[in-house]
Amino acid sequence: METSSVSIRGLSWLDTSSGEYSKRDIAVRGGVIAEPSGEPADLTIDASGLTAMFGLWDCHAHVGGLMYDPDAQGYFEAPAARTIRAGVNLAQAARMGITGVRALGECDDIDLALSRAYEAGVPPGLRLRGAGCSIKTTGGHGVAYPREYVRMRGFLTVDGPAEVARAVRRQVSRGAHWIKASLTGGLYSEHETVDGGQFSDEELEALMATANQRGISVAAHCGGSDQAVRFSRLGGRSVEHGYALDEKAAAAMAESSTWLVPTIGVTHDSSFIAQDGWPSHAANRAAASIRKHREGLWACLEAGVRIAVGADLNPVGPRLHREMELLEEVGVDRLTVLHAATIGGRELNGLGSQSLPEPGAAADLVFTEGSPLDDPKVLRDPVLVMAFGRVLKGEGAEHWAPSWKR
């Protein structure tokens, strides 16, 4: 769907690099920010009195997931049911100021289909980067034996370098933006540890060599330091979780420009874990990992590792906002959290590092009554949300209705 032009007047822009504000008029054309011109726009928005900034990103999501799924309903679903749930989840996230999501592991590549639809604008939606089915070894992270998906493919299970390379090539052929691989154990599966390696050296080398050859970034579910060092030195783009990282791993990540997405809530939010019905092995492992998880985050921050924000929990909207709160609770200052949750996500996903609305920047924006720097809760219910330069919430949203509804 062709993107129209938008003129936005009188906004107060929050620069998350400096914490400073500036009054601006901006234009949006072709989905990106442009210099204001004297030409009439298709849509004009008066943003006087509103604070604007780039939208939030959840950089670690499973958009159709049911997490521990106590009654196992998800294992018997058809792809259509999971797709509907994912769409509802993402629509709520957009209403809560989230303009970008990186999906790292989704059944039947549902995220990739939704991504193409949102980019085309039918229906209008947030910016979605996906990995499709994640890659794991036999018995690796994600196993919930004896539960298995009956009607969908949940993972690509590989053993040996040839199968690893084939799985990477498969995902590239399906339009994946990322490769997701589970290099260590985690919280989910019963018979593993958070830092135990699950890929052999040869398998990891095949993974990275194939991804590097095909020009696709790799995100690694990775709790252990040794695996994080190996992954980073082979060109890994982002370490997910980092449950037990040490200073050596942090230094290697910084040297290799490898990012961290800490998902601190999966260990620290004990009330959510109890309410969500996690099994005892997962809840106990999460509680036992709190200290090392926090220390690993701080080792990375002190080493200069770049951070993006991801919740790894559903629903995406409420859980990302809770993740931001938890990062503050473990001592990360608010401006750093806001920058990581906005510009960090944009940069990690290839949209640039600028924190000002410069011409050419992707027009994924949120507008709030009050400043998020004074009260981040205003981001939970923004006045206006844009992605791809289209208004998803607020004045002008009907302008972007799918063509068959016009």
Protein backbone atom coordinates (compact mmCIF):
# COMPACT_ATOMS: atom_id res chain seq x y z
CA MET A 1 0.00 0.00 0.00
CA GLU A 2 1.40 3.39 -1.00
CA THR A 3 2.43 5.56 1.92
CA SER A 4 1.01 9.10 1.95
CA SER A 5 2.64 12.26 3.27
CA VAL A 6 2.16 13.51 6.83
CA SER A 7 2.95 16.91 8.34
CA ILE A 8 3.41 17.01 12.12
CA ARG A 9 3.64 20.39 13.80
CA GLY A 10 4.67 21.70 17.20
CA LEU A 11 6.08 18.57 18.82
CA SER A 12 8.68 18.47 21.60
CA TRP A 13 11.32 15.90 20.62
CA LEU A 14 13.07 13.89 23.34
CA ASP A 15 16.65 13.00 22.37
CA THR A 16 17.38 9.78 24.26
CA SER A 17 21.12 10.23 23.74
CA SER A 18 21.31 13.47 25.72
CA GLY A 19 17.97 13.75 27.54
CA GLU A 20 17.41 17.14 25.89
CA TYR A 21 14.21 18.40 24.26
CA SER A 22 13.73 20.47 21.11
CA LYS A 23 10.67 22.00 19.47
CA ARG A 24 10.20 20.78 15.92
CA ASP A 25 7.95 20.45 12.91
CA ILE A 26 8.59 17.31 10.90
CA ALA A 27 7.29 15.73 7.72
CA VAL A 28 6.93 12.07 6.79
CA ARG A 29 7.04 10.90 3.20
CA GLY A 30 7.51 7.39 1.87
CA GLY A 31 7.70 6.00 5.39
CA VAL A 32 10.70 8.09 6.42
CA ILE A 33 11.22 11.47 8.03
CA ALA A 34 11.66 14.31 5.55
CA GLU A 35 12.31 18.05 5.64
CA PRO A 36 9.09 20.06 6.04
CA SER A 37 8.04 21.71 2.78
CA GLY A 38 5.44 24.18 1.69
CA GLU A 39 3.52 21.51 -0.19
CA PRO A 40 0.20 20.35 1.33
CA ALA A 41 0.34 16.97 3.07
CA ASP A 42 -2.27 14.23 2.86
CA LEU A 43 -2.53 14.32 6.65
CA THR A 44 -1.65 17.17 9.04
CA ILE A 45 -1.29 16.54 12.77
CA ASP A 46 -1.09 19.22 15.45
CA ALA A 47 1.30 17.77 18.08
CA SER A 48 1.48 20.88 20.24
CA GLY A 49 1.96 19.94 23.87
CA LEU A 50 3.06 16.39 23.05
CA THR A 51 6.46 14.77 23.57
CA ALA A 52 7.73 12.69 20.65
CA MET A 53 10.49 10.12 20.32
CA PHE A 54 11.34 7.05 18.32
CA GLY A 55 9.11 4.12 19.22
CA LEU A 56 9.94 1.23 21.51
CA TRP A 57 11.40 -2.09 20.41
CA ASP A 58 10.98 -5.51 21.98
CA CYS A 59 14.09 -7.25 20.69
CA HIS A 60 13.33 -10.71 22.06
CA ALA A 61 9.78 -11.90 21.50
CA HIS A 62 7.89 -15.09 20.70
CA VAL A 63 4.79 -13.45 19.32
CA GLY A 64 2.48 -16.48 19.22
CA GLY A 65 3.95 -18.28 22.20
CA LEU A 66 2.14 -19.50 25.29
CA MET A 67 5.37 -19.95 27.30
CA TYR A 68 4.89 -22.87 29.72
CA ASP A 69 1.33 -23.52 28.57
CA PRO A 70 0.19 -25.55 31.63
CA ASP A 71 -2.72 -27.23 29.80
CA ALA A 72 -0.59 -27.87 26.65
CA GLN A 73 -3.19 -26.35 24.31
CA GLY A 74 -0.53 -24.81 22.08
CA TYR A 75 0.92 -28.18 21.17
CA PHE A 76 -2.35 -29.18 19.45
CA GLU A 77 -3.14 -25.90 17.69
CA ALA A 78 -3.17 -25.35 13.97
CA PRO A 79 -1.02 -22.54 12.54
CA ALA A 80 -4.12 -20.40 11.92
CA ALA A 81 -4.98 -20.21 15.63
CA ARG A 82 -1.43 -19.29 16.58
CA THR A 83 -1.28 -16.68 13.82
CA ILE A 84 -4.44 -15.00 15.14
CA ARG A 85 -3.04 -14.90 18.67
CA ALA A 86 0.23 -13.45 17.39
CA GLY A 87 -1.63 -10.75 15.48
CA VAL A 88 -3.71 -9.77 18.51
CA ASN A 89 -0.55 -9.68 20.63
CA LEU A 90 1.26 -7.40 18.18
CA ALA A 91 -1.74 -5.09 17.75
CA GLN A 92 -1.86 -4.56 21.52
CA ALA A 93 1.89 -3.94 21.54
CA ALA A 94 1.53 -1.21 18.92
CA ARG A 95 -1.16 0.51 20.97
CA MET A 96 1.30 0.53 23.86
CA GLY A 97 3.99 2.42 21.97
CA ILE A 98 5.95 -0.52 20.57
CA THR A 99 6.77 0.17 16.94
CA GLY A 100 9.29 -2.64 16.43
CA VAL A 101 9.51 -6.28 17.47
CA ARG A 102 12.26 -8.81 16.82
CA ALA A 103 10.74 -12.29 16.93
CA LEU A 104 13.33 -14.91 17.85
CA GLY A 105 11.70 -18.26 17.34
CA GLU A 106 8.19 -18.73 15.96
CA CYS A 107 6.34 -21.81 14.74
CA ASP A 108 5.98 -22.32 11.01
CA ASP A 109 7.68 -18.98 10.26
CA ILE A 110 4.46 -17.16 11.20
CA ASP A 111 6.45 -14.05 12.11
CA LEU A 112 7.90 -13.81 8.62
CA ALA A 113 4.44 -13.83 7.02
CA LEU A 114 3.18 -11.18 9.44
CA SER A 115 6.27 -9.08 8.79
CA ARG A 116 5.64 -9.01 5.06
CA ALA A 117 1.98 -8.09 5.58
CA TYR A 118 2.77 -5.23 7.98
CA GLU A 119 5.45 -3.82 5.71
CA ALA A 120 3.03 -3.83 2.80
CA GLY A 121 0.46 -2.10 5.00
CA VAL A 122 -2.25 -4.73 4.59
CA PRO A 123 -3.07 -4.63 7.41
CA PRO A 124 -1.10 -1.70 8.85
CA GLY A 125 1.13 -2.89 11.67
CA LEU A 126 4.38 -2.40 13.52
CA ARG A 127 7.83 -3.18 12.12
CA LEU A 128 8.49 -6.89 12.66
CA ARG A 129 11.86 -8.53 12.20
CA GLY A 130 11.78 -12.32 12.42
CA ALA A 131 13.94 -15.42 12.58
CA GLY A 132 11.16 -17.88 11.88
CA CYS A 133 11.88 -21.33 13.34
CA SER A 134 14.84 -21.29 15.70
CA ILE A 135 17.69 -23.79 15.48
CA LYS A 136 18.57 -26.21 18.25
CA THR A 137 20.31 -29.55 18.68
CA THR A 138 18.56 -32.81 19.57
CA GLY A 139 17.57 -32.56 23.22
CA GLY A 140 18.47 -28.87 23.19
CA HIS A 141 16.83 -25.81 24.69
CA GLY A 142 13.10 -25.69 24.05
CA VAL A 143 12.43 -29.38 24.57
CA ALA A 144 9.39 -30.04 26.77
CA TYR A 145 9.34 -33.83 26.50
CA PRO A 146 6.96 -35.61 26.17
CA ARG A 147 5.16 -32.61 24.69
CA GLU A 148 5.70 -32.01 20.98
CA TYR A 149 3.91 -29.86 18.42
CA VAL A 150 1.41 -32.00 16.53
CA ARG A 151 0.37 -29.66 13.71
CA MET A 152 3.22 -27.15 13.47
CA ARG A 153 6.99 -27.09 13.20
CA GLY A 154 8.33 -25.48 16.36
CA PHE A 155 12.08 -25.75 15.79
CA LEU A 156 14.71 -26.84 13.31
CA THR A 157 16.49 -29.67 15.13
CA VAL A 158 20.03 -30.22 13.84
CA ASP A 159 23.01 -32.44 14.57
CA GLY A 160 26.34 -32.03 12.85
CA PRO A 161 27.79 -29.21 10.73
CA ALA A 162 25.97 -30.20 7.52
CA GLU A 163 22.53 -30.07 9.15
CA VAL A 164 23.37 -26.76 10.82
CA ALA A 165 24.38 -25.19 7.51
CA ARG A 166 21.25 -26.56 5.83
CA ALA A 167 19.02 -25.04 8.52
CA VAL A 168 20.60 -21.60 8.10
CA ARG A 169 20.14 -21.77 4.35
CA ARG A 170 16.52 -22.86 4.81
CA GLN A 171 15.69 -19.82 6.90
CA VAL A 172 17.45 -17.45 4.53
CA SER A 173 15.37 -18.89 1.66
CA ARG A 174 12.19 -18.15 3.62
CA GLY A 175 13.04 -14.51 4.10
CA ALA A 176 14.31 -14.55 7.69
CA HIS A 177 15.91 -11.34 8.93
CA TRP A 178 17.79 -13.18 11.68
CA ILE A 179 19.02 -16.65 12.52
CA LYS A 180 18.19 -17.73 16.08
CA ALA A 181 20.23 -20.56 17.61
CA SER A 182 20.14 -22.00 21.12
CA LEU A 183 23.80 -22.43 22.07
CA THR A 184 23.20 -23.25 25.74
CA GLY A 185 20.47 -24.41 28.05
CA GLY A 186 18.14 -22.03 29.80
CA LEU A 187 15.09 -22.02 32.04
CA TYR A 188 12.55 -23.81 29.86
CA SER A 189 13.69 -27.40 29.53
CA GLU A 190 13.95 -29.68 32.54
CA HIS A 191 17.20 -31.49 31.84
CA GLU A 192 19.64 -28.62 31.22
CA THR A 193 21.48 -25.77 32.92
CA VAL A 194 21.49 -22.08 32.01
CA ASP A 195 25.14 -22.13 30.93
CA GLY A 196 25.65 -25.68 29.61
CA GLY A 197 26.81 -25.74 25.99
CA GLN A 198 24.67 -27.54 23.40
CA PHE A 199 26.49 -26.92 20.10
CA SER A 200 29.84 -28.52 19.33
CA ASP A 201 32.69 -26.31 18.13
CA GLU A 202 32.23 -27.69 14.63
CA GLU A 203 28.49 -27.04 14.66
CA LEU A 204 28.93 -23.46 15.85
CA GLU A 205 31.61 -22.80 13.25
CA ALA A 206 29.32 -24.15 10.52
CA LEU A 207 26.45 -21.99 11.79
CA MET A 208 28.49 -18.81 11.75
CA ALA A 209 30.35 -19.52 8.52
CA THR A 210 27.08 -20.14 6.67
CA ALA A 211 25.34 -17.11 8.19
CA ASN A 212 28.32 -14.88 7.46
CA GLN A 213 28.46 -16.16 3.89
CA ARG A 214 24.75 -15.43 3.40
CA GLY A 215 24.99 -12.03 5.11
CA ILE A 216 22.46 -12.73 7.85
CA SER A 217 22.89 -11.82 11.52
CA VAL A 218 22.75 -14.45 14.27
CA ALA A 219 21.10 -14.08 17.67
CA ALA A 220 22.19 -16.69 20.20
CA HIS A 221 20.23 -17.93 23.16
CA CYS A 222 23.33 -18.05 25.33
CA GLY A 223 23.69 -18.19 29.08
CA GLY A 224 27.33 -19.22 29.46
CA SER A 225 30.51 -17.20 29.19
CA ASP A 226 32.58 -19.69 27.19
CA GLN A 227 29.90 -19.99 24.53
CA ALA A 228 29.44 -16.20 24.42
CA VAL A 229 33.17 -15.73 23.82
CA ARG A 230 33.22 -18.28 20.98
CA PHE A 231 30.07 -16.88 19.42
CA SER A 232 31.28 -13.28 19.57
CA ARG A 233 34.67 -14.03 18.05
CA LEU A 234 32.99 -15.82 15.15
CA GLY A 235 30.91 -12.73 14.34
CA GLY A 236 27.79 -13.25 16.42
CA ARG A 237 25.50 -10.23 16.46
CA SER A 238 23.62 -10.57 19.76
CA VAL A 239 23.73 -12.63 22.93
CA GLU A 240 20.28 -13.26 24.38
CA HIS A 241 19.76 -13.52 28.16
CA GLY A 242 23.38 -13.88 29.30
CA TYR A 243 22.40 -15.66 32.50
CA ALA A 244 25.96 -16.26 33.70
CA LEU A 245 28.29 -13.95 31.79
CA ASP A 246 31.62 -12.93 33.33
CA GLU A 247 34.11 -10.13 32.64
CA LYS A 248 35.95 -12.23 30.05
CA ALA A 249 32.76 -12.71 28.06
CA ALA A 250 31.85 -9.04 28.40
CA ALA A 251 35.27 -8.01 27.09
CA ALA A 252 35.01 -10.36 24.12
CA MET A 253 31.53 -9.10 23.30
CA ALA A 254 32.65 -5.47 23.47
CA GLU A 255 35.69 -6.17 21.30
CA SER A 256 33.55 -7.95 18.71
CA SER A 257 30.69 -5.41 18.79
CA THR A 258 28.30 -8.13 19.94
CA TRP A 259 25.12 -6.85 21.57
CA LEU A 260 23.38 -8.06 24.73
CA VAL A 261 19.61 -8.40 25.10
CA PRO A 262 19.42 -9.27 28.82
CA THR A 263 15.71 -10.19 29.27
CA ILE A 264 16.19 -9.54 32.98
CA GLY A 265 12.52 -10.19 33.78
CA VAL A 266 12.71 -13.93 33.16
CA THR A 267 14.77 -14.34 36.31
CA HIS A 268 13.86 -11.27 38.38
CA ASP A 269 10.07 -11.05 38.09
CA SER A 270 9.17 -13.69 40.67
CA SER A 271 5.55 -12.55 40.98
CA PHE A 272 4.97 -13.02 37.24
CA ILE A 273 6.69 -16.41 37.31
CA ALA A 274 4.34 -17.57 40.08
CA GLN A 275 1.23 -16.15 38.40
CA ASP A 276 2.16 -17.65 35.05
CA GLY A 277 2.36 -21.14 36.49
CA TRP A 278 5.97 -21.97 35.70
CA PRO A 279 6.95 -25.53 36.66
CA SER A 280 9.19 -25.89 39.68
CA HIS A 281 12.33 -26.70 37.70
CA ALA A 282 12.03 -23.42 35.75
CA ALA A 283 10.98 -21.24 38.71
CA ASN A 284 13.77 -22.60 40.92
CA ARG A 285 16.38 -22.23 38.19
CA ALA A 286 15.25 -18.64 37.56
CA ALA A 287 15.53 -17.76 41.25
CA ALA A 288 18.98 -19.35 41.47
CA SER A 289 20.16 -17.33 38.45
CA ILE A 290 19.17 -13.85 39.68
CA ARG A 291 22.53 -12.76 41.08
CA LYS A 292 24.69 -13.98 38.19
CA HIS A 293 22.22 -12.64 35.63
CA ARG A 294 22.40 -9.17 37.16
CA GLU A 295 26.19 -9.32 37.53
CA GLY A 296 26.54 -10.36 33.88
CA LEU A 297 24.43 -7.41 32.75
CA TRP A 298 26.60 -5.02 34.73
CA ALA A 299 29.82 -6.60 33.48
CA CYS A 300 28.61 -5.93 29.94
CA LEU A 301 27.55 -2.36 30.67
CA GLU A 302 30.88 -1.58 32.27
CA ALA A 303 32.77 -3.14 29.33
CA GLY A 304 30.85 -0.96 26.86
CA VAL A 305 28.66 -3.69 25.33
CA ARG A 306 25.68 -2.19 23.55
CA ILE A 307 22.31 -3.12 25.04
CA ALA A 308 18.86 -3.55 23.54
CA VAL A 309 15.69 -4.42 25.44
CA GLY A 310 13.60 -7.56 25.08
CA ALA A 311 11.13 -9.24 27.41
CA ASP A 312 10.93 -12.84 26.09
CA LEU A 313 7.44 -12.99 27.65
CA ASN A 314 3.84 -12.43 26.57
CA PRO A 315 1.84 -10.35 26.08
CA VAL A 316 4.52 -8.26 24.40
CA GLY A 317 3.14 -4.82 25.32
CA PRO A 318 2.78 -5.16 29.09
CA ARG A 319 5.87 -7.32 29.44
CA LEU A 320 8.20 -4.93 27.59
CA HIS A 321 7.11 -2.08 29.85
CA ARG A 322 7.72 -4.29 32.87
CA GLU A 323 11.17 -5.21 31.51
CA MET A 324 12.05 -1.51 31.36
CA GLU A 325 10.93 -1.08 34.97
CA LEU A 326 13.03 -4.03 36.07
CA LEU A 327 16.12 -2.66 34.35
CA GLU A 328 15.72 0.48 36.41
CA GLU A 329 15.20 -1.63 39.54
CA VAL A 330 18.56 -3.36 39.03
CA GLY A 331 20.27 0.03 38.77
CA VAL A 332 20.27 1.05 35.10
CA ASP A 333 19.44 4.75 34.85
CA ARG A 334 16.22 5.75 33.10
CA LEU A 335 17.77 7.56 30.15
CA THR A 336 19.96 4.55 29.37
CA VAL A 337 16.90 2.28 29.50
CA LEU A 338 14.90 4.56 27.21
CA HIS A 339 17.78 4.78 24.75
CA ALA A 340 18.30 1.00 24.75
CA ALA A 341 14.56 0.39 24.30
CA THR A 342 14.33 2.77 21.34
CA ILE A 343 17.58 3.56 19.54
CA GLY A 344 19.17 0.32 20.72
CA GLY A 345 16.44 -1.68 19.03
CA ARG A 346 16.58 0.42 15.89
CA GLU A 347 20.34 0.12 15.57
CA LEU A 348 20.40 -3.61 16.30
CA ASN A 349 17.82 -4.10 13.55
CA GLY A 350 19.58 -1.99 10.94
CA LEU A 351 17.65 1.28 11.16
CA GLY A 352 20.54 3.47 12.25
CA SER A 353 21.74 4.99 15.50
CA GLN A 354 20.49 8.55 15.19
CA SER A 355 18.33 9.73 18.09
CA LEU A 356 17.07 12.90 16.38
CA PRO A 357 14.38 12.94 13.66
CA GLU A 358 16.78 13.49 10.80
CA PRO A 359 15.69 13.19 7.17
CA GLY A 360 15.84 9.60 5.99
CA ALA A 361 15.21 8.06 9.41
CA ALA A 362 12.48 5.41 9.53
CA ALA A 363 9.29 7.07 10.78
CA ASP A 364 8.47 4.76 13.69
CA LEU A 365 7.36 7.27 16.33
CA VAL A 366 5.41 7.67 19.55
CA PHE A 367 3.77 10.82 20.95
CA THR A 368 2.86 11.13 24.60
CA GLU A 369 1.21 13.54 27.00
CA GLY A 370 4.07 14.19 29.38
CA SER A 371 7.67 13.12 29.05
CA PRO A 372 8.77 9.46 29.35
CA LEU A 373 11.91 10.75 31.02
CA ASP A 374 9.79 12.10 33.88
CA ASP A 375 7.37 9.16 33.95
CA PRO A 376 7.89 6.13 31.66
CA LYS A 377 4.30 5.04 32.31
CA VAL A 378 3.09 7.60 29.76
CA LEU A 379 4.48 5.25 27.10
CA ARG A 380 1.92 2.60 28.06
CA ASP A 381 -0.89 4.64 26.52
CA PRO A 382 0.57 7.05 23.96
CA VAL A 383 -1.59 9.59 22.18
CA LEU A 384 -0.27 8.65 18.75
CA VAL A 385 1.83 5.80 17.33
CA MET A 386 3.38 5.57 13.87
CA ALA A 387 5.22 2.75 12.11
CA PHE A 388 6.40 2.83 8.51
CA GLY A 389 5.11 6.41 8.57
CA ARG A 390 1.54 5.17 9.04
CA VAL A 391 -0.57 6.15 12.05
CA LEU A 392 -1.48 3.00 13.95
CA LYS A 393 -3.09 4.75 16.91
CA GLY A 394 -4.48 8.26 17.29
CA GLU A 395 -5.47 11.05 14.96
CA GLY A 396 -5.29 9.89 11.35
CA ALA A 397 -5.32 6.15 12.01
CA GLU A 398 -8.36 5.63 9.76
CA HIS A 399 -6.36 7.23 6.95
CA TRP A 400 -4.39 3.99 6.77
CA ALA A 401 -7.32 1.54 6.69
CA PRO A 402 -6.67 -1.41 4.35
CA SER A 403 -7.89 -0.72 0.83
CA TRP A 404 -10.70 -3.26 0.94
CA LYS A 405 -12.30 -1.30 3.81
CA ARG A 406 -12.25 2.04 2.08
